[in-house]
């Protein structure tokens, strides 16, 4: 196997492992919040998480990607 192919394979594997871990933590957090607060509480929690994320996306406006490239 070429060195480049080996690097690509390992990087892909690490990305998949990272994605599985991230999804597992997200699912666990969702289960914990849902069981703790119920449907109404989870809805409020979800709304509380969505608004700051929306404002962050609007405020960022892609500047982070531009600064990273330069």
C-alpha atoms as a PDB file:
ATOM      1  CA  UNK A   1       0.000   0.000   0.000  1.00  0.00           C
ATOM      2  CA  UNK A   2       1.327   3.429  -0.878  1.00  0.00           C
ATOM      3  CA  UNK A   3       1.996   5.908   1.915  1.00  0.00           C
ATOM      4  CA  UNK A   4      -0.686   8.292   0.612  1.00  0.00           C
ATOM      5  CA  UNK A   5      -3.293   5.530   0.449  1.00  0.00           C
ATOM      6  CA  UNK A   6      -2.404   4.473   3.972  1.00  0.00           C
ATOM      7  CA  UNK A   7      -2.769   8.049   5.266  1.00  0.00           C
ATOM      8  CA  UNK A   8      -6.117   8.489   3.534  1.00  0.00           C
ATOM      9  CA  UNK A   9      -7.372   5.178   4.920  1.00  0.00           C
ATOM     10  CA  UNK A  10      -6.300   6.020   8.477  1.00  0.00           C
ATOM     11  CA  UNK A  11      -7.744   9.539   8.289  1.00  0.00           C
ATOM     12  CA  UNK A  12     -11.041   8.162   7.002  1.00  0.00           C
ATOM     13  CA  UNK A  13     -11.118   5.600   9.796  1.00  0.00           C
ATOM     14  CA  UNK A  14     -10.428   8.285  12.400  1.00  0.00           C
ATOM     15  CA  UNK A  15     -13.208  10.452  10.957  1.00  0.00           C
ATOM     16  CA  UNK A  16     -15.676   7.560  11.140  1.00  0.00           C
ATOM     17  CA  UNK A  17     -14.679   6.745  14.729  1.00  0.00           C
ATOM     18  CA  UNK A  18     -15.014  10.400  15.706  1.00  0.00           C
ATOM     19  CA  UNK A  19     -18.450  10.620  14.082  1.00  0.00           C
ATOM     20  CA  UNK A  20     -19.649   7.486  15.909  1.00  0.00           C
ATOM     21  CA  UNK A  21     -18.442   8.867  19.253  1.00  0.00           C
ATOM     22  CA  UNK A  22     -20.077  12.241  18.594  1.00  0.00           C
ATOM     23  CA  UNK A  23     -23.384  10.631  17.602  1.00  0.00           C
ATOM     24  CA  UNK A  24     -23.297   8.374  20.670  1.00  0.00           C
ATOM     25  CA  UNK A  25     -22.774  11.311  23.027  1.00  0.00           C
ATOM     26  CA  UNK A  26     -25.549  13.279  21.292  1.00  0.00           C
ATOM     27  CA  UNK A  27     -27.993  10.377  21.567  1.00  0.00           C
ATOM     28  CA  UNK A  28     -27.079   9.815  25.223  1.00  0.00           C
ATOM     29  CA  UNK A  29     -27.543  13.515  26.030  1.00  0.00           C
ATOM     30  CA  UNK A  30     -30.906  13.542  24.244  1.00  0.00           C
ATOM     31  CA  UNK A  31     -32.070  10.507  26.204  1.00  0.00           C
ATOM     32  CA  UNK A  32     -30.943  12.012  29.512  1.00  0.00           C
ATOM     33  CA  UNK A  33     -32.591  15.387  28.856  1.00  0.00           C
ATOM     34  CA  UNK A  34     -35.809  13.776  27.611  1.00  0.00           C
ATOM     35  CA  UNK A  35     -36.099  11.482  30.612  1.00  0.00           C
ATOM     36  CA  UNK A  36     -35.282  14.278  33.032  1.00  0.00           C
ATOM     37  CA  UNK A  37     -37.541  17.042  31.660  1.00  0.00           C
ATOM     38  CA  UNK A  38     -40.213  15.155  29.692  1.00  0.00           C
ATOM     39  CA  UNK A  39     -41.692  16.263  26.377  1.00  0.00           C
ATOM     40  CA  UNK A  40     -42.384  19.857  27.347  1.00  0.00           C
ATOM     41  CA  UNK A  41     -38.970  20.330  28.922  1.00  0.00           C
ATOM     42  CA  UNK A  42     -37.185  18.758  25.972  1.00  0.00           C
ATOM     43  CA  UNK A  43     -39.043  21.073  23.616  1.00  0.00           C
ATOM     44  CA  UNK A  44     -37.935  24.102  25.635  1.00  0.00           C
ATOM     45  CA  UNK A  45     -34.381  22.735  25.785  1.00  0.00           C
ATOM     46  CA  UNK A  46     -34.344  22.202  22.034  1.00  0.00           C
ATOM     47  CA  UNK A  47     -35.620  25.721  21.436  1.00  0.00           C
ATOM     48  CA  UNK A  48     -32.982  27.085  23.819  1.00  0.00           C
ATOM     49  CA  UNK A  49     -30.275  25.308  21.826  1.00  0.00           C
ATOM     50  CA  UNK A  50     -31.593  26.335  18.420  1.00  0.00           C
ATOM     51  CA  UNK A  51     -31.752  30.118  18.890  1.00  0.00           C
ATOM     52  CA  UNK A  52     -28.105  30.646  19.909  1.00  0.00           C
ATOM     53  CA  UNK A  53     -26.977  28.342  17.096  1.00  0.00           C
ATOM     54  CA  UNK A  54     -28.992  30.344  14.578  1.00  0.00           C
ATOM     55  CA  UNK A  55     -27.583  33.639  15.801  1.00  0.00           C
ATOM     56  CA  UNK A  56     -24.057  32.220  15.788  1.00  0.00           C
ATOM     57  CA  UNK A  57     -24.434  31.163  12.160  1.00  0.00           C
ATOM     58  CA  UNK A  58     -25.743  34.607  11.218  1.00  0.00           C
ATOM     59  CA  UNK A  59     -23.010  36.403  13.187  1.00  0.00           C
ATOM     60  CA  UNK A  60     -20.214  34.207  11.863  1.00  0.00           C
ATOM     61  CA  UNK A  61     -21.362  34.685   8.248  1.00  0.00           C
ATOM     62  CA  UNK A  62     -18.553  32.477   6.974  1.00  0.00           C
ATOM     63  CA  UNK A  63     -15.777  34.716   8.239  1.00  0.00           C
ATOM     64  CA  UNK A  64     -14.138  31.848  10.113  1.00  0.00           C
ATOM     65  CA  UNK A  65     -13.605  29.931   6.852  1.00  0.00           C
ATOM     66  CA  UNK A  66     -12.206  33.025   5.139  1.00  0.00           C
ATOM     67  CA  UNK A  67      -9.743  33.715   7.952  1.00  0.00           C
ATOM     68  CA  UNK A  68      -8.656  30.062   7.986  1.00  0.00           C
ATOM     69  CA  UNK A  69      -7.832  30.142   4.255  1.00  0.00           C
ATOM     70  CA  UNK A  70      -5.775  33.338   4.505  1.00  0.00           C
END
